Structure formats: C-alpha cells, structure tokens
Protein backbone atom coordinates (compact mmCIF):
# COMPACT_ATOMS: atom_id res chain seq x y z
CA MET A 1 -52.21 -58.27 171.38
CA LEU A 2 -50.67 -56.21 168.58
CA VAL A 3 -52.30 -53.11 167.17
CA GLY A 4 -53.31 -53.63 163.55
CA ALA A 5 -52.14 -51.63 160.55
CA ALA A 6 -54.86 -49.09 161.24
CA GLY A 7 -52.74 -47.94 164.15
CA LEU A 8 -50.63 -46.02 161.67
CA ALA A 9 -53.51 -43.73 160.96
CA GLN A 10 -54.19 -42.93 164.62
CA ALA A 11 -54.36 -39.28 165.56
CA ARG A 12 -54.69 -38.16 161.93
CA LYS A 13 -57.59 -36.00 160.87
CA PRO A 14 -60.11 -37.51 158.43
CA GLU A 15 -59.68 -34.66 155.97
CA LYS A 16 -56.07 -35.72 155.49
CA ALA A 17 -56.94 -39.31 154.60
CA ALA A 18 -57.15 -38.64 150.87
CA ALA A 19 -53.75 -36.98 150.82
CA GLN A 20 -52.22 -39.87 152.75
CA LYS A 21 -53.30 -42.35 150.08
CA ASN A 22 -50.84 -40.81 147.67
CA ASP A 23 -48.12 -40.37 150.32
CA PRO A 24 -45.12 -42.65 149.46
CA GLN A 25 -43.74 -42.32 153.01
CA LEU A 26 -46.98 -43.61 154.46
CA ALA A 27 -46.93 -46.57 152.08
CA GLU A 28 -43.35 -47.37 153.10
CA ALA A 29 -44.21 -47.07 156.79
CA LYS A 30 -47.20 -49.41 156.32
CA ARG A 31 -45.00 -51.93 154.48
CA HIS A 32 -42.54 -52.10 157.39
CA PHE A 33 -45.42 -52.28 159.84
CA ASP A 34 -47.09 -55.23 158.09
CA GLN A 35 -43.77 -57.07 157.91
CA GLY A 36 -43.29 -56.46 161.63
CA VAL A 37 -46.68 -57.95 162.42
CA ALA A 38 -45.92 -61.04 160.33
CA LEU A 39 -42.53 -61.57 161.97
CA PHE A 40 -44.00 -61.08 165.44
CA ASN A 41 -46.63 -63.73 164.78
CA ASP A 42 -43.86 -66.09 163.61
CA GLY A 43 -41.99 -65.56 166.88
CA ASP A 44 -39.13 -63.58 165.28
CA PHE A 45 -39.17 -60.76 167.80
CA GLY A 46 -35.78 -59.39 166.74
CA GLY A 47 -36.86 -59.00 163.12
CA ALA A 48 -40.26 -57.64 164.15
CA LEU A 49 -38.67 -54.98 166.32
CA ALA A 50 -36.42 -53.83 163.47
CA GLU A 51 -39.45 -53.46 161.16
CA PHE A 52 -41.59 -51.66 163.73
CA GLU A 53 -38.78 -49.24 164.52
CA ALA A 54 -38.27 -48.56 160.79
CA SER A 55 -41.98 -47.84 160.44
CA TYR A 56 -41.99 -45.56 163.49
CA GLN A 57 -38.98 -43.64 162.19
CA ILE A 58 -40.78 -42.88 158.93
CA ARG A 59 -44.15 -42.08 160.51
CA PRO A 60 -44.30 -41.90 164.32
CA SER A 61 -47.54 -43.39 165.55
CA ALA A 62 -48.85 -44.37 168.97
CA GLY A 63 -50.08 -47.67 167.56
CA VAL A 64 -46.62 -48.55 166.23
CA LEU A 65 -45.09 -47.50 169.55
CA TYR A 66 -47.41 -49.90 171.36
CA ASN A 67 -46.27 -52.75 169.10
CA ILE A 68 -42.65 -51.79 169.70
CA GLY A 69 -43.24 -52.06 173.45
CA LEU A 70 -44.82 -55.51 173.15
CA THR A 71 -41.98 -56.74 170.94
CA GLN A 72 -39.38 -55.46 173.39
CA LYS A 73 -41.21 -57.33 176.14
CA GLY A 74 -41.00 -60.50 174.03
CA LEU A 75 -37.21 -59.97 173.89
CA TYR A 76 -37.08 -59.57 177.71
CA ARG A 77 -35.89 -56.01 177.24
CA TYR A 78 -38.25 -54.87 179.93
CA ASP A 79 -36.50 -51.59 180.56
CA GLU A 80 -37.05 -50.50 176.95
CA ALA A 81 -40.55 -51.93 176.84
CA LEU A 82 -41.51 -49.88 179.88
CA SER A 83 -40.21 -46.72 178.25
CA SER A 84 -42.09 -47.42 175.00
CA LEU A 85 -45.38 -48.27 176.67
CA ARG A 86 -45.25 -45.27 179.01
CA LYS A 87 -44.66 -43.05 176.00
CA PHE A 88 -47.62 -44.75 174.29
CA LEU A 89 -49.88 -43.75 177.19
CA VAL A 90 -48.67 -40.16 176.94
CA ASP A 91 -48.67 -39.77 173.15
CA GLY A 92 -51.76 -41.81 172.32
CA GLN A 93 -54.94 -39.79 171.71
CA LYS A 94 -58.33 -41.23 172.51
CA ILE A 95 -56.93 -44.49 173.83
CA PRO A 96 -59.85 -46.66 174.90
CA LYS A 97 -60.24 -47.02 178.64
CA ASP A 98 -59.80 -50.78 178.58
CA LYS A 99 -56.61 -50.49 176.45
CA ARG A 100 -55.16 -47.93 178.85
CA ALA A 101 -55.91 -50.21 181.78
CA GLU A 102 -54.34 -53.15 179.95
CA VAL A 103 -51.13 -51.24 179.24
CA THR A 104 -50.96 -49.92 182.81
CA GLN A 105 -51.26 -53.44 184.20
CA LEU A 106 -48.56 -54.65 181.76
CA ILE A 107 -46.23 -51.90 182.94
CA ASN A 108 -46.76 -52.88 186.59
CA GLU A 109 -46.10 -56.54 185.85
CA MET A 110 -42.88 -55.83 184.01
CA GLN A 111 -41.72 -53.42 186.67
CA ALA A 112 -42.00 -56.23 189.22
CA LEU A 113 -39.70 -58.41 187.10
CA LEU A 114 -36.86 -55.91 187.10
CA ALA A 115 -33.87 -55.26 189.31
CA THR A 116 -32.11 -51.94 189.19
CA VAL A 117 -28.43 -52.33 188.34
CA THR A 118 -26.27 -49.31 189.07
CA PHE A 119 -23.02 -48.94 187.13
CA GLU A 120 -19.81 -47.33 188.35
CA VAL A 121 -17.37 -47.67 185.50
CA THR A 122 -14.01 -46.09 184.69
CA PRO A 123 -12.77 -44.64 182.48
CA PRO A 124 -15.51 -42.25 181.31
CA GLY A 125 -16.74 -43.11 177.86
CA THR A 126 -16.70 -46.86 178.46
CA ALA A 127 -19.37 -48.59 176.37
CA VAL A 128 -21.66 -50.79 178.49
CA THR A 129 -23.27 -53.78 176.76
CA LEU A 130 -25.98 -56.06 178.16
CA ASP A 131 -26.39 -59.45 176.45
CA GLY A 132 -24.85 -58.06 173.26
CA ARG A 133 -26.99 -54.91 173.29
CA GLN A 134 -25.32 -51.59 174.00
CA LEU A 135 -26.93 -49.70 176.85
CA GLY A 136 -24.87 -46.54 176.61
CA GLN A 137 -21.61 -45.10 177.85
CA ALA A 138 -20.35 -44.45 181.34
CA PRO A 139 -21.17 -42.43 183.31
CA THR A 140 -24.45 -41.53 181.55
CA VAL A 141 -25.73 -45.12 181.69
CA GLY A 142 -25.93 -44.71 185.50
CA ALA A 143 -28.63 -47.18 186.54
CA TYR A 144 -30.60 -49.60 184.41
CA GLY A 145 -33.59 -51.84 184.92
CA VAL A 146 -32.54 -55.40 184.12
CA ALA A 147 -34.86 -58.38 183.88
CA ALA A 148 -34.40 -61.22 186.34
CA GLY A 149 -32.13 -64.01 185.16
CA ALA A 150 -28.54 -64.60 184.07
CA HIS A 151 -26.98 -61.80 182.05
CA THR A 152 -23.66 -60.94 180.47
CA PHE A 153 -22.35 -57.42 180.89
CA GLU A 154 -19.45 -56.25 178.73
CA PHE A 155 -17.35 -53.11 179.02
CA ALA A 156 -15.06 -51.67 176.37
CA ALA A 157 -13.06 -48.47 175.93
CA GLU A 158 -10.34 -47.53 173.49
CA GLY A 159 -6.87 -48.05 174.94
CA TYR A 160 -8.15 -50.38 177.70
CA ARG A 161 -8.56 -54.11 178.07
CA PRO A 162 -12.23 -55.11 177.74
CA ALA A 163 -13.98 -56.72 180.68
CA LYS A 164 -16.88 -59.13 180.96
CA LYS A 165 -19.11 -59.84 183.95
CA GLU A 166 -21.57 -62.70 184.30
CA LEU A 167 -24.31 -61.83 186.78
CA LYS A 168 -27.49 -63.44 188.02
CA VAL A 169 -30.09 -60.78 188.56
CA VAL A 170 -32.93 -61.29 191.04
CA ALA A 171 -36.11 -59.29 190.54
CA GLY A 172 -36.58 -56.51 193.03
CA GLN A 173 -33.02 -56.76 194.39
CA PRO A 174 -30.91 -53.76 193.39
CA MET A 175 -27.32 -54.43 192.38
CA LYS A 176 -24.21 -52.29 192.04
CA LEU A 177 -21.63 -53.14 189.40
CA THR A 178 -18.20 -51.52 189.78
CA VAL A 179 -15.73 -51.93 186.94
CA ASN A 180 -12.27 -50.40 186.49
CA LEU A 181 -10.82 -51.21 183.10
CA GLU A 182 -7.09 -51.90 182.88
CA LYS A 183 -5.21 -49.56 180.61
CA ILE A 184 -3.33 -51.27 177.80
CA GLN A 185 0.37 -50.53 178.17
CA THR A 186 1.78 -49.00 175.01
CA SER A 187 5.12 -47.86 176.37
CA GLY A 188 7.89 -49.09 178.65
CA LYS A 189 10.58 -47.52 180.79
CA VAL A 190 14.29 -48.03 180.25
CA ARG A 191 17.31 -46.50 181.95
CA VAL A 192 20.44 -46.17 179.86
CA LEU A 193 23.54 -46.34 182.07
CA VAL A 194 26.73 -45.13 180.41
CA LYS A 195 30.47 -45.30 181.00
CA PRO A 196 32.11 -42.87 180.96
CA ASP A 197 29.66 -40.50 182.61
CA LEU A 198 27.90 -37.87 180.53
CA ALA A 199 28.23 -39.78 177.27
CA GLU A 200 25.56 -38.59 174.85
CA VAL A 201 22.52 -40.90 174.47
CA ILE A 202 20.68 -40.86 171.13
CA VAL A 203 17.47 -42.84 170.53
CA ASP A 204 15.90 -43.04 167.07
CA ASP A 205 18.26 -40.29 165.89
CA LYS A 206 17.03 -37.96 168.63
CA ALA A 207 19.39 -36.75 171.36
CA ARG A 208 18.09 -37.66 174.80
CA GLY A 209 20.78 -35.96 176.85
CA PRO A 210 23.94 -37.08 178.63
CA GLY A 211 23.69 -40.42 180.40
CA PRO A 212 22.51 -41.88 182.57
CA VAL A 213 18.98 -41.15 181.29
CA GLU A 214 15.58 -42.68 182.05
CA LEU A 215 13.23 -42.90 179.06
CA ASP A 216 9.59 -43.79 178.46
CA LEU A 217 9.45 -45.28 174.96
CA LEU A 218 6.85 -46.97 172.79
CA LEU A 219 6.93 -50.75 172.92
CA GLY A 220 9.04 -52.34 170.21
CA GLY A 221 12.42 -51.79 168.63
CA HIS A 222 14.43 -48.56 168.66
CA THR A 223 17.93 -47.55 167.57
CA LEU A 224 20.33 -46.63 170.35
CA GLN A 225 23.57 -44.68 169.99
CA VAL A 226 26.00 -43.62 172.70
CA GLN A 227 28.96 -41.40 171.92
CA LYS A 228 31.59 -39.22 173.51
CA ASP A 229 34.70 -37.51 172.25
CA GLY A 230 37.79 -39.65 172.65
CA TYR A 231 35.82 -42.93 172.74
CA LEU A 232 34.55 -45.40 170.21
CA SER A 233 30.81 -44.85 169.58
CA TYR A 234 28.20 -47.53 170.31
CA GLN A 235 25.26 -48.29 168.02
CA GLY A 236 22.71 -51.06 168.42
CA GLU A 237 19.04 -51.98 168.79
CA LEU A 238 17.04 -51.22 171.93
CA VAL A 239 13.93 -53.39 172.42
CA VAL A 240 11.32 -51.96 174.80
CA SER A 241 8.82 -54.36 176.36
CA ALA A 242 5.97 -54.02 178.82
CA GLY A 243 6.70 -54.50 182.49
CA PRO A 244 9.06 -52.97 185.05
CA ARG A 245 11.84 -50.59 184.11
CA ARG A 246 14.86 -52.19 182.48
CA ASP A 247 18.47 -51.02 182.86
CA VAL A 248 20.62 -50.94 179.74
CA PRO A 249 24.35 -50.55 180.58
CA ILE A 250 26.61 -49.25 177.80
CA GLU A 251 30.39 -48.90 178.29
CA LEU A 252 32.43 -47.12 175.66
CA SER A 253 36.05 -48.05 175.05
CA LYS A 254 38.95 -45.93 173.93
CA PRO A 255 40.49 -46.60 170.53
CA ILE A 256 43.77 -48.59 170.39
CA ILE A 257 46.50 -46.36 168.96
CA VAL A 258 49.41 -48.13 167.18
CA LYS A 259 52.45 -45.79 167.18
CA LYS A 260 54.62 -46.00 164.03
CA SER A 261 58.40 -45.67 164.59
CA LYS A 262 60.25 -43.05 162.55
CA TRP A 263 63.43 -43.88 160.62
CA TYR A 264 65.74 -42.27 163.12
CA GLU A 265 64.12 -44.24 165.95
CA LYS A 266 65.18 -47.62 164.52
CA TRP A 267 67.50 -49.54 166.90
CA TYR A 268 70.11 -50.23 164.28
CA PHE A 269 70.48 -46.60 163.36
CA TRP A 270 72.01 -45.74 166.74
CA VAL A 271 74.48 -48.73 166.98
CA PRO A 272 78.13 -47.32 167.09
CA VAL A 273 80.36 -47.91 164.07
CA SER A 274 83.15 -49.21 166.36
CA ALA A 275 80.81 -51.99 167.50
CA VAL A 276 80.32 -53.01 163.92
CA VAL A 277 84.14 -53.01 163.26
CA ALA A 278 84.79 -54.96 166.43
CA GLY A 279 82.35 -57.51 165.29
CA ALA A 280 84.14 -57.85 161.99
CA VAL A 281 87.58 -58.31 163.73
CA ALA A 282 86.13 -60.89 166.03
CA THR A 283 84.86 -62.72 163.04
CA GLY A 284 88.35 -62.68 161.42
CA VAL A 285 90.04 -64.14 164.47
CA GLY A 286 87.59 -66.89 164.51
CA VAL A 287 88.38 -67.81 160.93
CA SER A 288 92.21 -67.89 161.56
CA GLN A 289 91.85 -70.18 164.54
CA SER A 290 89.86 -72.66 162.57
CA GLN A 291 92.62 -73.36 159.99
CA PRO A 292 94.51 -76.81 160.35
CA SER A 293 98.12 -77.17 161.70
CA PRO A 294 101.06 -77.65 159.27
CA VAL A 295 101.87 -81.26 158.23
CA THR A 296 104.81 -82.63 160.22
CA GLY A 297 107.20 -85.54 159.71
CA THR A 298 107.41 -85.44 155.89
CA LEU A 299 111.23 -85.00 155.78
CA PRO A 300 113.48 -87.82 157.04
CA THR A 301 116.29 -86.91 159.41
CA GLY A 302 119.33 -85.72 157.56
CA ALA A 303 117.61 -85.62 154.14
CA SER A 304 118.93 -83.01 151.79
CA ARG A 305 116.04 -82.94 149.42
CA VAL A 306 112.43 -83.64 149.35
CA GLN A 307 111.65 -87.22 148.51
C-alpha cells in the first residue's frame, strides 16, 4: 500500500507548516508525488518511479522513499527495492510498529526471491547492464542481487566489442558471470620487404627506416614510397587490414641508360679513303663489261666502200 501525499510532510516540525505552504519546492515535490501515485495505481510502474524519484530529489522524505521501494518491487528490481526499504526503516521517524513489521516482512520475502550474481569483467570500466538498466561499471559492480527468472546482461566498453549474456537465474542459487570483452582491432601489421637491401621505406611521408621494416599501422589506406640512390623510386598505395601480418615485397629497378654515339664514333667516319676509291673503280669495270660487242659482218668480202 502506498503512502499518501501526507508522507511528504513526515519528520517536519509543526511550526514549519505555515512556511511550507508558501514553499514552491514543496509544491513541486507534491505535484510529482501525486502524479507518481496516479501512475502507480494505473500500473505504470516505470512512470511512477520516475515521478517519485523526482519528488524525492526535490524534498527527501521517508514516505516518498517507501513508495519508491514499492514501485521498484513492482518492476522486479528487488535489489533496489531492498535498498530503498532498508533506508526507509533507518530514516523514517516515528514509523508505526505495524508499518515497520510490514516493511521488514516485505524485505525478507524479496530477499528470498533473489540470487546473488557475481561479476568478473574485463577490461575495467566496462558498463554492466541488466535488462536494459545499467547496474554500474566493473569492477565496482562486484556482486548484485538479481530476481529469479530469465535476464539479459549486456557489457560494453569503449574500444571493445560489446557482449550479451542470456541467463536464467534461480532464487537462492548464487551465480558467477565471467566476461572478457574482445578488443576491437584498429591497426594491422605489415612487413615491407625491399630489394635492394637497405632501400629507404617511407609511409605517409614519414621515413620508417631502411628495409626490410615491420610496421604497425592504422587500418585503411596509406601511401608507400621506397627509394634508393641509383634506382628508380617506387610509389603506391598500401592498404592495411585486420588479421595476421602481411608481407609487402617491393623490388626497385635500375634505370635504362641509352648511350648516344658521338660524331667521331660513327662507323662511316673511320672507313679508309682507299676503300671508297676501290669501290668506285670496281663500279667502273662493271660498267665497261656490260657494253655490247661491235657489229660484225656488215662489209662484204672484197668491198672497197661501205654499201
């Protein structure tokens, strides 16, 4: 049974009642409280809890704390309900004997419905979530009282792959949950093998030393240059991906040198003049031998003149 709006005024002296009437904070706290009661009666425990917590933040009151505990119980958040109701028993002044007995019995009943779940989670700082509700961060979350039933535990840390565990919790049976998150790989290893040896390796315009070199680079594309005096330089793209180390062989080649002949190295410059003359004579003889023989038999025998 919820405590009524009068619970806000618990533990306040009567002489302060007049001043509280004109207190805007008290009016705001009462507004949230009344909304919480209405939502609780409608079965909207999530909304009711938000309103009760807003009221308690403005004006802490044992009566509001009691309602918070009951609402948390309605949400099966027994671990939080136990904490709220225990605090109610400590903070509440002049709690009636029957109300104290009722709350004590409620605490014992809820305690019997819980199982203690111990968390061992790496890395430190991992956020631990139970059924969408954050419990805290490792390792401070340590152990937690979880209500019996099926639950979803989620674990998340920056730079790591999140993990999810579905567990069925049995009341009174302690459980241990060990989780090691897998680190998200943001870099990869490459080994640049060069020929000739000791050629300079440059990645992203930064000298990385003479090859061969082994590098740990961010995933993605990089510029790669390899150079050495007397060789043609290499320039290209180096793509680094997750996984095992990758070898990148680069072989430089020497430039092709085309030698230009000088004028005095021409073959015809050194041919002897006599060879040229001999060639001309040989050509003349050839012409003479190709002429036809004289015409014969044009004069009759004994003729004294040409006919």
